[in-house]
Amino acid sequence: MPPGISGIHLTDAVLITVGWTSHKSPATASLTHEGVRLTEEEEGSAAPTQGD
């Protein structure tokens, strides 16, 4: 990862990246592609199913 960017490991994959300012404060936080994929999977499995 580029300088000033760190990853947060919530599983074996990096799911969130954080960009830091020069004052060591978080400037940005974003989901990685893997984080988006896992979020979409969870949302899909949590969606209510319609009965017949």
PDB file of N, CA and C in Angstrom:
ATOM      1  N   MET A   1       0.841  -1.179   0.000  1.00  0.00           N
ATOM      2  CA  MET A   1       0.000   0.000   0.000  1.00  0.00           C
ATOM      3  C   MET A   1       0.882   1.237   0.000  1.00  0.00           C
ATOM      4  N   PRO A   2       0.375   2.304  -0.592  1.00  0.00           N
ATOM      5  CA  PRO A   2       1.166   3.539  -0.636  1.00  0.00           C
ATOM      6  C   PRO A   2       1.401   4.106   0.757  1.00  0.00           C
ATOM      7  N   PRO A   3       2.430   4.946   0.928  1.00  0.00           N
ATOM      8  CA  PRO A   3       2.652   5.600   2.221  1.00  0.00           C
ATOM      9  C   PRO A   3       1.420   6.393   2.638  1.00  0.00           C
ATOM     10  N   GLY A   4       1.100   6.373   3.904  1.00  0.00           N
ATOM     11  CA  GLY A   4      -0.055   7.100   4.404  1.00  0.00           C
ATOM     12  C   GLY A   4      -1.353   6.321   4.308  1.00  0.00           C
ATOM     13  N   ILE A   5      -1.293   5.103   3.760  1.00  0.00           N
ATOM     14  CA  ILE A   5      -2.479   4.248   3.641  1.00  0.00           C
ATOM     15  C   ILE A   5      -2.213   2.982   4.435  1.00  0.00           C
ATOM     16  N   SER A   6      -3.169   2.588   5.248  1.00  0.00           N
ATOM     17  CA  SER A   6      -3.031   1.334   5.963  1.00  0.00           C
ATOM     18  C   SER A   6      -4.297   0.526   5.776  1.00  0.00           C
ATOM     19  N   GLY A   7      -4.189  -0.772   5.927  1.00  0.00           N
ATOM     20  CA  GLY A   7      -5.340  -1.652   5.781  1.00  0.00           C
ATOM     21  C   GLY A   7      -5.724  -2.229   7.123  1.00  0.00           C
ATOM     22  N   ILE A   8      -6.994  -2.451   7.292  1.00  0.00           N
ATOM     23  CA  ILE A   8      -7.501  -3.074   8.511  1.00  0.00           C
ATOM     24  C   ILE A   8      -7.907  -4.492   8.158  1.00  0.00           C
ATOM     25  N   HIS A   9      -7.323  -5.451   8.839  1.00  0.00           N
ATOM     26  CA  HIS A   9      -7.612  -6.854   8.576  1.00  0.00           C
ATOM     27  C   HIS A   9      -8.711  -7.324   9.523  1.00  0.00           C
ATOM     28  N   LEU A  10      -9.918  -7.544   8.979  1.00  0.00           N
ATOM     29  CA  LEU A  10     -11.007  -8.060   9.789  1.00  0.00           C
ATOM     30  C   LEU A  10     -11.129  -9.569   9.606  1.00  0.00           C
ATOM     31  N   THR A  11     -10.558 -10.063   8.537  1.00  0.00           N
ATOM     32  CA  THR A  11     -10.471 -11.498   8.248  1.00  0.00           C
ATOM     33  C   THR A  11      -9.093 -11.713   7.660  1.00  0.00           C
ATOM     34  N   ASP A  12      -8.944 -12.710   6.808  1.00  0.00           N
ATOM     35  CA  ASP A  12      -7.667 -12.911   6.125  1.00  0.00           C
ATOM     36  C   ASP A  12      -7.457 -11.883   5.023  1.00  0.00           C
ATOM     37  N   ALA A  13      -8.491 -11.107   4.688  1.00  0.00           N
ATOM     38  CA  ALA A  13      -8.407 -10.124   3.620  1.00  0.00           C
ATOM     39  C   ALA A  13      -8.427  -8.709   4.202  1.00  0.00           C
ATOM     40  N   VAL A  14      -7.878  -7.769   3.449  1.00  0.00           N
ATOM     41  CA  VAL A  14      -7.971  -6.359   3.832  1.00  0.00           C
ATOM     42  C   VAL A  14      -9.320  -5.860   3.337  1.00  0.00           C
ATOM     43  N   LEU A  15     -10.186  -5.424   4.243  1.00  0.00           N
ATOM     44  CA  LEU A  15     -11.533  -5.012   3.886  1.00  0.00           C
ATOM     45  C   LEU A  15     -11.707  -3.507   3.865  1.00  0.00           C
ATOM     46  N   ILE A  16     -10.902  -2.795   4.622  1.00  0.00           N
ATOM     47  CA  ILE A  16     -11.014  -1.344   4.729  1.00  0.00           C
ATOM     48  C   ILE A  16      -9.624  -0.741   4.593  1.00  0.00           C
ATOM     49  N   THR A  17      -9.505   0.334   3.823  1.00  0.00           N
ATOM     50  CA  THR A  17      -8.247   1.076   3.786  1.00  0.00           C
ATOM     51  C   THR A  17      -8.472   2.441   4.429  1.00  0.00           C
ATOM     52  N   VAL A  18      -7.451   2.933   5.107  1.00  0.00           N
ATOM     53  CA  VAL A  18      -7.539   4.223   5.794  1.00  0.00           C
ATOM     54  C   VAL A  18      -6.378   5.090   5.320  1.00  0.00           C
ATOM     55  N   GLY A  19      -6.698   6.295   4.868  1.00  0.00           N
ATOM     56  CA  GLY A  19      -5.673   7.279   4.507  1.00  0.00           C
ATOM     57  C   GLY A  19      -5.469   8.212   5.684  1.00  0.00           C
ATOM     58  N   TRP A  20      -4.221   8.503   5.991  1.00  0.00           N
ATOM     59  CA  TRP A  20      -3.892   9.309   7.175  1.00  0.00           C
ATOM     60  C   TRP A  20      -3.344  10.664   6.769  1.00  0.00           C
ATOM     61  N   THR A  21      -3.639  11.681   7.551  1.00  0.00           N
ATOM     62  CA  THR A  21      -3.057  13.011   7.335  1.00  0.00           C
ATOM     63  C   THR A  21      -1.665  13.038   7.942  1.00  0.00           C
ATOM     64  N   SER A  22      -0.964  14.134   7.715  1.00  0.00           N
ATOM     65  CA  SER A  22       0.371  14.279   8.303  1.00  0.00           C
ATOM     66  C   SER A  22       0.297  14.441   9.815  1.00  0.00           C
ATOM     67  N   HIS A  23      -0.892  14.718  10.349  1.00  0.00           N
ATOM     68  CA  HIS A  23      -1.081  14.863  11.797  1.00  0.00           C
ATOM     69  C   HIS A  23      -1.547  13.557  12.440  1.00  0.00           C
ATOM     70  N   LYS A  24      -1.433  12.467  11.683  1.00  0.00           N
ATOM     71  CA  LYS A  24      -1.785  11.123  12.152  1.00  0.00           C
ATOM     72  C   LYS A  24      -3.260  11.009  12.532  1.00  0.00           C
ATOM     73  N   SER A  25      -4.094  11.714  11.769  1.00  0.00           N
ATOM     74  CA  SER A  25      -5.545  11.606  11.919  1.00  0.00           C
ATOM     75  C   SER A  25      -6.085  10.915  10.674  1.00  0.00           C
ATOM     76  N   PRO A  26      -7.104  10.083  10.819  1.00  0.00           N
ATOM     77  CA  PRO A  26      -7.665   9.443   9.622  1.00  0.00           C
ATOM     78  C   PRO A  26      -8.311  10.491   8.710  1.00  0.00           C
ATOM     79  N   ALA A  27      -7.948  10.457   7.433  1.00  0.00           N
ATOM     80  CA  ALA A  27      -8.493  11.409   6.465  1.00  0.00           C
ATOM     81  C   ALA A  27      -9.599  10.765   5.640  1.00  0.00           C
ATOM     82  N   THR A  28      -9.393   9.518   5.273  1.00  0.00           N
ATOM     83  CA  THR A  28     -10.383   8.788   4.483  1.00  0.00           C
ATOM     84  C   THR A  28     -10.442   7.351   4.960  1.00  0.00           C
ATOM     85  N   ALA A  29     -11.581   6.757   4.786  1.00  0.00           N
ATOM     86  CA  ALA A  29     -11.747   5.321   5.036  1.00  0.00           C
ATOM     87  C   ALA A  29     -12.643   4.790   3.934  1.00  0.00           C
ATOM     88  N   SER A  30     -12.248   3.692   3.327  1.00  0.00           N
ATOM     89  CA  SER A  30     -13.056   3.143   2.244  1.00  0.00           C
ATOM     90  C   SER A  30     -12.948   1.628   2.221  1.00  0.00           C
ATOM     91  N   LEU A  31     -14.003   1.011   1.722  1.00  0.00           N
ATOM     92  CA  LEU A  31     -14.007  -0.438   1.559  1.00  0.00           C
ATOM     93  C   LEU A  31     -13.148  -0.814   0.363  1.00  0.00           C
ATOM     94  N   THR A  32     -12.429  -1.907   0.475  1.00  0.00           N
ATOM     95  CA  THR A  32     -11.717  -2.456  -0.672  1.00  0.00           C
ATOM     96  C   THR A  32     -12.715  -3.248  -1.508  1.00  0.00           C
ATOM     97  N   HIS A  33     -12.289  -3.739  -2.655  1.00  0.00           N
ATOM     98  CA  HIS A  33     -13.177  -4.556  -3.490  1.00  0.00           C
ATOM     99  C   HIS A  33     -13.662  -5.777  -2.722  1.00  0.00           C
ATOM    100  N   GLU A  34     -12.782  -6.370  -1.953  1.00  0.00           N
ATOM    101  CA  GLU A  34     -13.162  -7.534  -1.146  1.00  0.00           C
ATOM    102  C   GLU A  34     -14.181  -7.145  -0.079  1.00  0.00           C
ATOM    103  N   GLY A  35     -14.010  -5.982   0.522  1.00  0.00           N
ATOM    104  CA  GLY A  35     -14.964  -5.502   1.519  1.00  0.00           C
ATOM    105  C   GLY A  35     -16.341  -5.262   0.917  1.00  0.00           C
ATOM    106  N   VAL A  36     -16.375  -4.690  -0.286  1.00  0.00           N
ATOM    107  CA  VAL A  36     -17.651  -4.471  -0.974  1.00  0.00           C
ATOM    108  C   VAL A  36     -18.305  -5.806  -1.287  1.00  0.00           C
ATOM    109  N   ARG A  37     -17.531  -6.754  -1.794  1.00  0.00           N
ATOM    110  CA  ARG A  37     -18.072  -8.069  -2.154  1.00  0.00           C
ATOM    111  C   ARG A  37     -18.674  -8.760  -0.927  1.00  0.00           C
ATOM    112  N   LEU A  38     -17.957  -8.754   0.179  1.00  0.00           N
ATOM    113  CA  LEU A  38     -18.466  -9.398   1.390  1.00  0.00           C
ATOM    114  C   LEU A  38     -19.711  -8.694   1.926  1.00  0.00           C
ATOM    115  N   THR A  39     -19.734  -7.367   1.859  1.00  0.00           N
ATOM    116  CA  THR A  39     -20.906  -6.614   2.303  1.00  0.00           C
ATOM    117  C   THR A  39     -22.118  -6.969   1.449  1.00  0.00           C
ATOM    118  N   GLU A  40     -21.930  -7.026   0.130  1.00  0.00           N
ATOM    119  CA  GLU A  40     -23.038  -7.364  -0.759  1.00  0.00           C
ATOM    120  C   GLU A  40     -23.528  -8.785  -0.512  1.00  0.00           C
ATOM    121  N   GLU A  41     -22.609  -9.714  -0.248  1.00  0.00           N
ATOM    122  CA  GLU A  41     -23.006 -11.092   0.063  1.00  0.00           C
ATOM    123  C   GLU A  41     -23.853 -11.133   1.326  1.00  0.00           C
ATOM    124  N   GLU A  42     -23.421 -10.423   2.359  1.00  0.00           N
ATOM    125  CA  GLU A  42     -24.172 -10.413   3.616  1.00  0.00           C
ATOM    126  C   GLU A  42     -25.534  -9.772   3.450  1.00  0.00           C
ATOM    127  N   GLU A  43     -25.606  -8.675   2.697  1.00  0.00           N
ATOM    128  CA  GLU A  43     -26.890  -8.018   2.469  1.00  0.00           C
ATOM    129  C   GLU A  43     -27.826  -8.936   1.687  1.00  0.00           C
ATOM    130  N   GLY A  44     -27.278  -9.665   0.729  1.00  0.00           N
ATOM    131  CA  GLY A  44     -28.091 -10.597  -0.059  1.00  0.00           C
ATOM    132  C   GLY A  44     -28.604 -11.752   0.766  1.00  0.00           C
ATOM    133  N   SER A  45     -27.804 -12.248   1.702  1.00  0.00           N
ATOM    134  CA  SER A  45     -28.233 -13.368   2.535  1.00  0.00           C
ATOM    135  C   SER A  45     -29.177 -12.920   3.631  1.00  0.00           C
ATOM    136  N   ALA A  46     -29.156 -11.621   3.974  1.00  0.00           N
ATOM    137  CA  ALA A  46     -30.040 -11.107   5.021  1.00  0.00           C
ATOM    138  C   ALA A  46     -31.380 -10.627   4.464  1.00  0.00           C
ATOM    139  N   ALA A  47     -31.484 -10.551   3.127  1.00  0.00           N
ATOM    140  CA  ALA A  47     -32.723 -10.057   2.514  1.00  0.00           C
ATOM    141  C   ALA A  47     -33.850 -11.055   2.778  1.00  0.00           C
ATOM    142  N   PRO A  48     -35.020 -10.560   3.136  1.00  0.00           N
ATOM    143  CA  PRO A  48     -36.150 -11.466   3.361  1.00  0.00           C
ATOM    144  C   PRO A  48     -36.566 -12.152   2.061  1.00  0.00           C
ATOM    145  N   THR A  49     -36.951 -13.388   2.167  1.00  0.00           N
ATOM    146  CA  THR A  49     -37.407 -14.124   0.994  1.00  0.00           C
ATOM    147  C   THR A  49     -38.925 -14.057   0.934  1.00  0.00           C
ATOM    148  N   GLN A  50     -39.450 -14.069  -0.258  1.00  0.00           N
ATOM    149  CA  GLN A  50     -40.887 -14.014  -0.444  1.00  0.00           C
ATOM    150  C   GLN A  50     -41.436 -15.430  -0.569  1.00  0.00           C
ATOM    151  N   GLY A  51     -42.500 -15.698   0.131  1.00  0.00           N
ATOM    152  CA  GLY A  51     -43.136 -17.014   0.071  1.00  0.00           C
ATOM    153  C   GLY A  51     -44.016 -17.142  -1.156  1.00  0.00           C
ATOM    154  N   ASP A  52     -44.506 -18.358  -1.383  1.00  0.00           N
ATOM    155  CA  ASP A  52     -45.378 -18.608  -2.542  1.00  0.00           C
ATOM    156  C   ASP A  52     -46.732 -17.987  -2.346  1.00  0.00           C
TER     157      ASP A  52
END
